[in-house]
C-alpha atoms as a PDB file:
ATOM      1  CA  UNK A   1     117.243  86.294  72.257  1.00  0.00           C
ATOM      2  CA  UNK A   2     117.859  82.626  72.479  1.00  0.00           C
ATOM      3  CA  UNK A   3     115.567  79.889  74.813  1.00  0.00           C
ATOM      4  CA  UNK A   4     118.674  79.550  77.539  1.00  0.00           C
ATOM      5  CA  UNK A   5     118.901  83.592  77.448  1.00  0.00           C
ATOM      6  CA  UNK A   6     115.001  83.881  78.009  1.00  0.00           C
ATOM      7  CA  UNK A   7     114.801  81.120  80.781  1.00  0.00           C
ATOM      8  CA  UNK A   8     118.045  83.059  82.267  1.00  0.00           C
ATOM      9  CA  UNK A   9     116.519  86.259  82.463  1.00  0.00           C
ATOM     10  CA  UNK A  10     112.968  84.980  83.518  1.00  0.00           C
ATOM     11  CA  UNK A  11     114.374  82.888  86.524  1.00  0.00           C
ATOM     12  CA  UNK A  12     116.703  86.017  87.787  1.00  0.00           C
ATOM     13  CA  UNK A  13     113.551  87.947  87.788  1.00  0.00           C
ATOM     14  CA  UNK A  14     111.596  85.520  89.527  1.00  0.00           C
ATOM     15  CA  UNK A  15     114.113  85.039  92.432  1.00  0.00           C
ATOM     16  CA  UNK A  16     115.088  88.163  93.010  1.00  0.00           C
ATOM     17  CA  UNK A  17     111.668  90.204  92.676  1.00  0.00           C
ATOM     18  CA  UNK A  18     108.693  87.514  92.161  1.00  0.00           C
ATOM     19  CA  UNK A  19     108.250  88.740  88.404  1.00  0.00           C
ATOM     20  CA  UNK A  20     106.734  86.474  86.164  1.00  0.00           C
ATOM     21  CA  UNK A  21     107.765  86.673  82.991  1.00  0.00           C
ATOM     22  CA  UNK A  22     106.031  85.478  79.904  1.00  0.00           C
ATOM     23  CA  UNK A  23     108.255  83.401  77.695  1.00  0.00           C
ATOM     24  CA  UNK A  24     105.461  82.832  74.909  1.00  0.00           C
ATOM     25  CA  UNK A  25     105.836  86.938  74.521  1.00  0.00           C
ATOM     26  CA  UNK A  26     109.223  87.225  73.734  1.00  0.00           C
ATOM     27  CA  UNK A  27     108.674  90.781  71.764  1.00  0.00           C
ATOM     28  CA  UNK A  28     107.604  92.428  74.821  1.00  0.00           C
ATOM     29  CA  UNK A  29     111.079  91.316  77.009  1.00  0.00           C
ATOM     30  CA  UNK A  30     113.392  92.149  73.920  1.00  0.00           C
ATOM     31  CA  UNK A  31     111.364  95.573  73.637  1.00  0.00           C
ATOM     32  CA  UNK A  32     112.179  96.221  77.290  1.00  0.00           C
ATOM     33  CA  UNK A  33     115.803  95.080  77.356  1.00  0.00           C
ATOM     34  CA  UNK A  34     116.801  96.758  74.376  1.00  0.00           C
ATOM     35  CA  UNK A  35     116.909 100.198  75.655  1.00  0.00           C
ATOM     36  CA  UNK A  36     118.762  98.751  78.831  1.00  0.00           C
ATOM     37  CA  UNK A  37     121.270  97.265  76.623  1.00  0.00           C
ATOM     38  CA  UNK A  38     121.472 100.482  74.394  1.00  0.00           C
ATOM     39  CA  UNK A  39     121.982 102.586  77.239  1.00  0.00           C
ATOM     40  CA  UNK A  40     124.542 100.929  79.119  1.00  0.00           C
ATOM     41  CA  UNK A  41     126.798 100.686  75.807  1.00  0.00           C
ATOM     42  CA  UNK A  42     126.505  96.894  74.774  1.00  0.00           C
ATOM     43  CA  UNK A  43     125.943  96.114  71.032  1.00  0.00           C
ATOM     44  CA  UNK A  44     122.950  93.642  72.005  1.00  0.00           C
ATOM     45  CA  UNK A  45     120.634  91.986  74.168  1.00  0.00           C
ATOM     46  CA  UNK A  46     123.103  88.566  74.176  1.00  0.00           C
ATOM     47  CA  UNK A  47     125.962  90.865  74.736  1.00  0.00           C
ATOM     48  CA  UNK A  48     124.438  92.678  77.865  1.00  0.00           C
ATOM     49  CA  UNK A  49     123.162  89.194  79.578  1.00  0.00           C
ATOM     50  CA  UNK A  50     126.624  87.949  79.296  1.00  0.00           C
ATOM     51  CA  UNK A  51     127.951  90.643  80.962  1.00  0.00           C
ATOM     52  CA  UNK A  52     125.149  89.885  83.693  1.00  0.00           C
ATOM     53  CA  UNK A  53     126.554  86.563  84.027  1.00  0.00           C
ATOM     54  CA  UNK A  54     130.052  87.049  83.702  1.00  0.00           C
ATOM     55  CA  UNK A  55     130.440  90.228  85.915  1.00  0.00           C
ATOM     56  CA  UNK A  56     127.739  89.797  88.358  1.00  0.00           C
ATOM     57  CA  UNK A  57     127.254  93.312  88.242  1.00  0.00           C
ATOM     58  CA  UNK A  58     124.693  93.907  90.395  1.00  0.00           C
ATOM     59  CA  UNK A  59     123.811  97.083  89.048  1.00  0.00           C
ATOM     60  CA  UNK A  60     123.342  96.539  85.861  1.00  0.00           C
ATOM     61  CA  UNK A  61     121.727  92.585  86.722  1.00  0.00           C
ATOM     62  CA  UNK A  62     118.697  95.113  88.513  1.00  0.00           C
ATOM     63  CA  UNK A  63     118.747  97.637  85.683  1.00  0.00           C
ATOM     64  CA  UNK A  64     117.901  94.038  83.718  1.00  0.00           C
ATOM     65  CA  UNK A  65     114.995  93.249  86.442  1.00  0.00           C
ATOM     66  CA  UNK A  66     113.653  96.718  86.787  1.00  0.00           C
ATOM     67  CA  UNK A  67     113.089  97.268  83.021  1.00  0.00           C
ATOM     68  CA  UNK A  68     110.911  94.167  83.314  1.00  0.00           C
ATOM     69  CA  UNK A  69     108.499  95.162  86.137  1.00  0.00           C
ATOM     70  CA  UNK A  70     107.728  98.352  84.189  1.00  0.00           C
ATOM     71  CA  UNK A  71     104.096  98.802  84.215  1.00  0.00           C
ATOM     72  CA  UNK A  72     101.516 100.979  82.996  1.00  0.00           C
ATOM     73  CA  UNK A  73     100.179 103.467  84.965  1.00  0.00           C
ATOM     74  CA  UNK A  74      98.577 107.035  84.629  1.00  0.00           C
ATOM     75  CA  UNK A  75      96.493 109.736  86.606  1.00  0.00           C
ATOM     76  CA  UNK A  76      93.433 108.040  88.438  1.00  0.00           C
ATOM     77  CA  UNK A  77      93.094 104.913  87.128  1.00  0.00           C
ATOM     78  CA  UNK A  78      90.419 103.148  88.071  1.00  0.00           C
ATOM     79  CA  UNK A  79      88.535 106.283  89.143  1.00  0.00           C
ATOM     80  CA  UNK A  80      85.784 104.898  91.631  1.00  0.00           C
ATOM     81  CA  UNK A  81      88.700 103.730  93.846  1.00  0.00           C
ATOM     82  CA  UNK A  82      89.897 107.212  94.267  1.00  0.00           C
ATOM     83  CA  UNK A  83      86.184 108.727  94.488  1.00  0.00           C
ATOM     84  CA  UNK A  84      86.031 106.241  97.395  1.00  0.00           C
ATOM     85  CA  UNK A  85      89.078 106.895  99.175  1.00  0.00           C
ATOM     86  CA  UNK A  86      87.984 110.806  99.099  1.00  0.00           C
ATOM     87  CA  UNK A  87      84.029 110.057 100.070  1.00  0.00           C
ATOM     88  CA  UNK A  88      84.372 107.405 102.390  1.00  0.00           C
ATOM     89  CA  UNK A  89      87.737 105.907 103.687  1.00  0.00           C
ATOM     90  CA  UNK A  90      89.522 109.268 104.428  1.00  0.00           C
ATOM     91  CA  UNK A  91      86.518 110.787 106.379  1.00  0.00           C
ATOM     92  CA  UNK A  92      85.905 107.742 108.149  1.00  0.00           C
ATOM     93  CA  UNK A  93      89.795 107.350 108.837  1.00  0.00           C
ATOM     94  CA  UNK A  94      90.084 111.011 109.853  1.00  0.00           C
ATOM     95  CA  UNK A  95      87.183 110.840 112.783  1.00  0.00           C
ATOM     96  CA  UNK A  96      88.881 107.874 114.113  1.00  0.00           C
ATOM     97  CA  UNK A  97      92.558 108.665 114.048  1.00  0.00           C
ATOM     98  CA  UNK A  98      91.603 112.175 115.706  1.00  0.00           C
ATOM     99  CA  UNK A  99      94.966 114.054 115.163  1.00  0.00           C
ATOM    100  CA  UNK A 100      97.146 111.154 114.323  1.00  0.00           C
ATOM    101  CA  UNK A 101      98.189 111.267 110.674  1.00  0.00           C
ATOM    102  CA  UNK A 102      96.907 109.199 108.038  1.00  0.00           C
ATOM    103  CA  UNK A 103      99.321 107.221 106.173  1.00  0.00           C
ATOM    104  CA  UNK A 104      99.025 106.111 102.303  1.00  0.00           C
ATOM    105  CA  UNK A 105     101.049 103.879 100.629  1.00  0.00           C
ATOM    106  CA  UNK A 106     101.146 103.076  96.850  1.00  0.00           C
ATOM    107  CA  UNK A 107     103.159 100.306  96.695  1.00  0.00           C
ATOM    108  CA  UNK A 108     104.278  99.635  93.179  1.00  0.00           C
ATOM    109  CA  UNK A 109     103.727 103.263  92.031  1.00  0.00           C
ATOM    110  CA  UNK A 110     105.573 103.285  88.826  1.00  0.00           C
ATOM    111  CA  UNK A 111     106.429 106.893  87.383  1.00  0.00           C
ATOM    112  CA  UNK A 112     104.033 108.709  90.167  1.00  0.00           C
ATOM    113  CA  UNK A 113     100.772 109.286  88.627  1.00  0.00           C
ATOM    114  CA  UNK A 114      99.004 107.147  91.289  1.00  0.00           C
ATOM    115  CA  UNK A 115     100.634 108.812  94.527  1.00  0.00           C
ATOM    116  CA  UNK A 116     100.000 112.199  92.874  1.00  0.00           C
ATOM    117  CA  UNK A 117      96.536 111.437  92.247  1.00  0.00           C
ATOM    118  CA  UNK A 118      95.994 110.094  95.583  1.00  0.00           C
ATOM    119  CA  UNK A 119      97.618 113.812  96.475  1.00  0.00           C
ATOM    120  CA  UNK A 120      95.333 115.536  94.360  1.00  0.00           C
ATOM    121  CA  UNK A 121      92.320 113.513  95.812  1.00  0.00           C
ATOM    122  CA  UNK A 122      93.200 114.621  98.994  1.00  0.00           C
ATOM    123  CA  UNK A 123      94.083 118.331  98.160  1.00  0.00           C
ATOM    124  CA  UNK A 124      90.723 118.645  96.196  1.00  0.00           C
ATOM    125  CA  UNK A 125      88.495 116.990  99.126  1.00  0.00           C
ATOM    126  CA  UNK A 126      90.641 118.851 101.745  1.00  0.00           C
ATOM    127  CA  UNK A 127      87.257 121.333 102.669  1.00  0.00           C
ATOM    128  CA  UNK A 128      84.827 118.384 103.153  1.00  0.00           C
ATOM    129  CA  UNK A 129      87.247 116.207 105.488  1.00  0.00           C
ATOM    130  CA  UNK A 130      87.757 116.593 108.966  1.00  0.00           C
ATOM    131  CA  UNK A 131      90.806 118.054 110.123  1.00  0.00           C
ATOM    132  CA  UNK A 132      93.786 115.993 109.902  1.00  0.00           C
ATOM    133  CA  UNK A 133      97.129 115.080 107.984  1.00  0.00           C
ATOM    134  CA  UNK A 134      97.704 112.578 105.179  1.00  0.00           C
ATOM    135  CA  UNK A 135     100.871 111.074 104.502  1.00  0.00           C
ATOM    136  CA  UNK A 136     101.648 109.337 101.115  1.00  0.00           C
ATOM    137  CA  UNK A 137     104.339 107.346 100.437  1.00  0.00           C
ATOM    138  CA  UNK A 138     105.387 105.725  97.024  1.00  0.00           C
ATOM    139  CA  UNK A 139     107.378 102.958  96.640  1.00  0.00           C
ATOM    140  CA  UNK A 140     108.404 101.098  93.664  1.00  0.00           C
ATOM    141  CA  UNK A 141     111.334  98.776  92.147  1.00  0.00           C
ATOM    142  CA  UNK A 142     112.440 100.662  89.508  1.00  0.00           C
ATOM    143  CA  UNK A 143     115.190 103.829  90.393  1.00  0.00           C
ATOM    144  CA  UNK A 144     114.309 105.280  87.010  1.00  0.00           C
ATOM    145  CA  UNK A 145     110.451 105.613  87.611  1.00  0.00           C
ATOM    146  CA  UNK A 146     111.317 106.734  90.905  1.00  0.00           C
ATOM    147  CA  UNK A 147     113.614 109.494  89.775  1.00  0.00           C
ATOM    148  CA  UNK A 148     110.717 110.565  87.216  1.00  0.00           C
ATOM    149  CA  UNK A 149     108.285 110.679  89.866  1.00  0.00           C
ATOM    150  CA  UNK A 150     110.275 112.888  91.967  1.00  0.00           C
ATOM    151  CA  UNK A 151     110.656 115.343  89.525  1.00  0.00           C
ATOM    152  CA  UNK A 152     106.971 115.282  88.446  1.00  0.00           C
ATOM    153  CA  UNK A 153     107.816 116.435  85.181  1.00  0.00           C
ATOM    154  CA  UNK A 154     104.994 114.778  82.718  1.00  0.00           C
ATOM    155  CA  UNK A 155     104.930 115.155  78.665  1.00  0.00           C
ATOM    156  CA  UNK A 156     101.399 115.951  77.250  1.00  0.00           C
ATOM    157  CA  UNK A 157     100.383 112.813  76.560  1.00  0.00           C
ATOM    158  CA  UNK A 158     100.856 111.676  80.113  1.00  0.00           C
ATOM    159  CA  UNK A 159      98.838 114.524  81.474  1.00  0.00           C
ATOM    160  CA  UNK A 160      96.119 114.190  78.973  1.00  0.00           C
ATOM    161  CA  UNK A 161      95.450 110.686  79.993  1.00  0.00           C
ATOM    162  CA  UNK A 162      93.145 110.548  83.128  1.00  0.00           C
ATOM    163  CA  UNK A 163      93.758 113.607  84.559  1.00  0.00           C
ATOM    164  CA  UNK A 164      90.646 116.288  84.287  1.00  0.00           C
ATOM    165  CA  UNK A 165      91.781 119.662  82.524  1.00  0.00           C
ATOM    166  CA  UNK A 166      90.576 121.641  85.908  1.00  0.00           C
ATOM    167  CA  UNK A 167      93.194 119.531  88.071  1.00  0.00           C
ATOM    168  CA  UNK A 168      95.730 120.109  85.521  1.00  0.00           C
ATOM    169  CA  UNK A 169      95.641 123.728  85.369  1.00  0.00           C
ATOM    170  CA  UNK A 170      94.717 124.218  88.818  1.00  0.00           C
ATOM    171  CA  UNK A 171      98.315 122.159  90.012  1.00  0.00           C
ATOM    172  CA  UNK A 172     100.365 122.103  87.668  1.00  0.00           C
ATOM    173  CA  UNK A 173     102.866 124.084  85.976  1.00  0.00           C
ATOM    174  CA  UNK A 174     103.540 124.385  82.222  1.00  0.00           C
ATOM    175  CA  UNK A 175     107.407 124.150  81.338  1.00  0.00           C
ATOM    176  CA  UNK A 176     107.937 124.166  77.696  1.00  0.00           C
ATOM    177  CA  UNK A 177     106.406 121.698  76.173  1.00  0.00           C
ATOM    178  CA  UNK A 178     106.115 119.689  79.468  1.00  0.00           C
ATOM    179  CA  UNK A 179     104.110 119.971  82.619  1.00  0.00           C
ATOM    180  CA  UNK A 180     105.512 119.925  86.664  1.00  0.00           C
ATOM    181  CA  UNK A 181     103.374 119.076  89.412  1.00  0.00           C
ATOM    182  CA  UNK A 182     103.226 121.890  91.607  1.00  0.00           C
ATOM    183  CA  UNK A 183     105.424 122.229  95.003  1.00  0.00           C
ATOM    184  CA  UNK A 184     102.618 122.077  97.191  1.00  0.00           C
ATOM    185  CA  UNK A 185     101.656 118.751  95.855  1.00  0.00           C
ATOM    186  CA  UNK A 186     104.925 117.400  95.097  1.00  0.00           C
ATOM    187  CA  UNK A 187     105.708 118.199  99.055  1.00  0.00           C
ATOM    188  CA  UNK A 188     102.656 115.798 100.180  1.00  0.00           C
ATOM    189  CA  UNK A 189     104.644 112.378  98.910  1.00  0.00           C
ATOM    190  CA  UNK A 190     107.724 110.621  99.938  1.00  0.00           C
ATOM    191  CA  UNK A 191     109.951 108.132  97.537  1.00  0.00           C
ATOM    192  CA  UNK A 192     111.518 105.026  98.182  1.00  0.00           C
ATOM    193  CA  UNK A 193     112.670 102.130  96.228  1.00  0.00           C
ATOM    194  CA  UNK A 194     110.725  99.234  97.956  1.00  0.00           C
ATOM    195  CA  UNK A 195     111.329  95.466  96.637  1.00  0.00           C
ATOM    196  CA  UNK A 196     107.796  93.775  97.435  1.00  0.00           C
ATOM    197  CA  UNK A 197     109.307  90.314  96.997  1.00  0.00           C
ATOM    198  CA  UNK A 198     111.776  91.430 100.456  1.00  0.00           C
ATOM    199  CA  UNK A 199     110.782  92.148 103.871  1.00  0.00           C
ATOM    200  CA  UNK A 200     109.426  95.644 104.346  1.00  0.00           C
ATOM    201  CA  UNK A 201     108.093  95.859 107.526  1.00  0.00           C
ATOM    202  CA  UNK A 202     110.546  98.611 108.498  1.00  0.00           C
ATOM    203  CA  UNK A 203     108.336 100.773 106.587  1.00  0.00           C
ATOM    204  CA  UNK A 204     105.556 100.546 109.376  1.00  0.00           C
ATOM    205  CA  UNK A 205     101.925 100.467 109.156  1.00  0.00           C
ATOM    206  CA  UNK A 206      99.400 102.204 107.130  1.00  0.00           C
ATOM    207  CA  UNK A 207      96.187 103.305 106.883  1.00  0.00           C
ATOM    208  CA  UNK A 208      95.472 102.490 103.524  1.00  0.00           C
ATOM    209  CA  UNK A 209      97.636 100.591 100.905  1.00  0.00           C
ATOM    210  CA  UNK A 210      97.217 100.964  97.598  1.00  0.00           C
ATOM    211  CA  UNK A 211      98.653  97.892  95.302  1.00  0.00           C
ATOM    212  CA  UNK A 212      96.731  98.106  92.103  1.00  0.00           C
ATOM    213  CA  UNK A 213      97.760  95.654  89.007  1.00  0.00           C
ATOM    214  CA  UNK A 214     100.999  94.533  90.885  1.00  0.00           C
ATOM    215  CA  UNK A 215     100.382  91.335  92.267  1.00  0.00           C
ATOM    216  CA  UNK A 216      99.301  89.980  88.992  1.00  0.00           C
ATOM    217  CA  UNK A 217     102.565  90.215  87.405  1.00  0.00           C
ATOM    218  CA  UNK A 218     104.126  88.481  90.018  1.00  0.00           C
ATOM    219  CA  UNK A 219     104.457  84.549  90.390  1.00  0.00           C
ATOM    220  CA  UNK A 220     101.607  83.078  92.677  1.00  0.00           C
ATOM    221  CA  UNK A 221     103.787  81.855  95.193  1.00  0.00           C
ATOM    222  CA  UNK A 222     105.501  85.318  95.529  1.00  0.00           C
ATOM    223  CA  UNK A 223     102.366  87.184  95.050  1.00  0.00           C
ATOM    224  CA  UNK A 224     100.734  85.282  98.151  1.00  0.00           C
ATOM    225  CA  UNK A 225     103.262  86.445 100.333  1.00  0.00           C
ATOM    226  CA  UNK A 226     103.716  90.148  99.277  1.00  0.00           C
ATOM    227  CA  UNK A 227      99.728  89.670  99.759  1.00  0.00           C
ATOM    228  CA  UNK A 228     100.217  88.625 103.464  1.00  0.00           C
ATOM    229  CA  UNK A 229     102.772  91.220 104.015  1.00  0.00           C
ATOM    230  CA  UNK A 230     100.616  94.173 103.218  1.00  0.00           C
ATOM    231  CA  UNK A 231      97.938  93.005 104.749  1.00  0.00           C
ATOM    232  CA  UNK A 232     100.187  92.696 107.872  1.00  0.00           C
ATOM    233  CA  UNK A 233     100.998  96.303 107.239  1.00  0.00           C
ATOM    234  CA  UNK A 234      97.890  97.664 107.710  1.00  0.00           C
ATOM    235  CA  UNK A 235      96.660  99.224 110.916  1.00  0.00           C
ATOM    236  CA  UNK A 236      93.768  97.869 112.420  1.00  0.00           C
ATOM    237  CA  UNK A 237      90.676  99.155 110.484  1.00  0.00           C
ATOM    238  CA  UNK A 238      93.146  99.960 107.695  1.00  0.00           C
ATOM    239  CA  UNK A 239      92.151  99.552 103.604  1.00  0.00           C
ATOM    240  CA  UNK A 240      94.070  97.275 101.313  1.00  0.00           C
ATOM    241  CA  UNK A 241      93.043  98.506  97.625  1.00  0.00           C
ATOM    242  CA  UNK A 242      93.897  96.070  94.786  1.00  0.00           C
ATOM    243  CA  UNK A 243      92.361  96.764  91.298  1.00  0.00           C
ATOM    244  CA  UNK A 244      88.529  95.974  90.802  1.00  0.00           C
ATOM    245  CA  UNK A 245      89.638  92.896  88.184  1.00  0.00           C
ATOM    246  CA  UNK A 246      92.236  91.914  90.542  1.00  0.00           C
ATOM    247  CA  UNK A 247      91.835  88.572  92.367  1.00  0.00           C
ATOM    248  CA  UNK A 248      93.155  88.450  95.893  1.00  0.00           C
ATOM    249  CA  UNK A 249      95.897  85.947  96.040  1.00  0.00           C
ATOM    250  CA  UNK A 250      94.893  84.032  98.930  1.00  0.00           C
ATOM    251  CA  UNK A 251      92.397  84.392 101.881  1.00  0.00           C
ATOM    252  CA  UNK A 252      93.590  86.479 105.253  1.00  0.00           C
ATOM    253  CA  UNK A 253      92.072  86.134 108.960  1.00  0.00           C
ATOM    254  CA  UNK A 254      91.175  89.449 109.523  1.00  0.00           C
ATOM    255  CA  UNK A 255      91.014  90.769 106.411  1.00  0.00           C
ATOM    256  CA  UNK A 256      87.282  91.757 104.815  1.00  0.00           C
ATOM    257  CA  UNK A 257      86.184  92.276 101.006  1.00  0.00           C
ATOM    258  CA  UNK A 258      84.889  95.823 101.022  1.00  0.00           C
ATOM    259  CA  UNK A 259      83.979  95.518  97.234  1.00  0.00           C
ATOM    260  CA  UNK A 260      85.265  96.995  94.167  1.00  0.00           C
ATOM    261  CA  UNK A 261      88.779  95.772  94.847  1.00  0.00           C
ATOM    262  CA  UNK A 262      89.043  96.921  98.233  1.00  0.00           C
ATOM    263  CA  UNK A 263      89.810  94.488 101.657  1.00  0.00           C
ATOM    264  CA  UNK A 264      89.336  96.044 105.041  1.00  0.00           C
ATOM    265  CA  UNK A 265      91.431  95.060 107.946  1.00  0.00           C
ATOM    266  CA  UNK A 266      89.275  94.140 111.223  1.00  0.00           C
ATOM    267  CA  UNK A 267      89.394  97.111 113.293  1.00  0.00           C
ATOM    268  CA  UNK A 268      89.280  94.643 116.225  1.00  0.00           C
ATOM    269  CA  UNK A 269      92.565  93.334 114.780  1.00  0.00           C
ATOM    270  CA  UNK A 270      95.324  93.654 116.656  1.00  0.00           C
ATOM    271  CA  UNK A 271      98.334  95.506 115.937  1.00  0.00           C
ATOM    272  CA  UNK A 272     101.053  93.009 114.964  1.00  0.00           C
END
């Protein structure tokens, strides 16, 4: 890729999705765009980008952007967050919410390992939790990632990353060389394409929002806007979960750190 092509891709990703493309890591950009170009029948990345410029094909443009948003994910990544969810957060929310369902959002869920980890955590803790329902929403920018998530089909390497063998045997079904999440666990999650650089207020409000290792991949201004919107998506007393190593992009009134990358909305804060 030439410098002007890299600049074009970086600006496209920033404006459309708030993504920050590291211009010093050209090999990463090319490794993401190469498979897209081949899959779409182009002879090179250059040909594909030229088509994006000339045709203004929105489908192709978003395929380019979505490939750059692809991130690493695996089951129960950063285990302490899931432990706190099962042992502290869900019991508290269920006592406080009564018969109302607990809404949990995994923002930037990639290929689905995080929402399914959330569902498994709920399922395993069900006997210790007060009666109540938990609704899980997984969203991502990438349609391809969401399709894989909805299928719930993972290879041996993917299930070995973070997933305890007892949960694999209890909640997954073997299909040839792959493993499929059981229908019961798949039914606990819904999926939707969401751009965190856009207005997502139509999703409603949530008791828990997981958005880990996502904001750090956005440019600072976009990350601040997304963080503010995510905080406003919380019910009073709700929880926003970032990764332990991720710093909050900005201080938000009525949102306090609960440690370990977890923030809690003031229970007295009026719903927006």
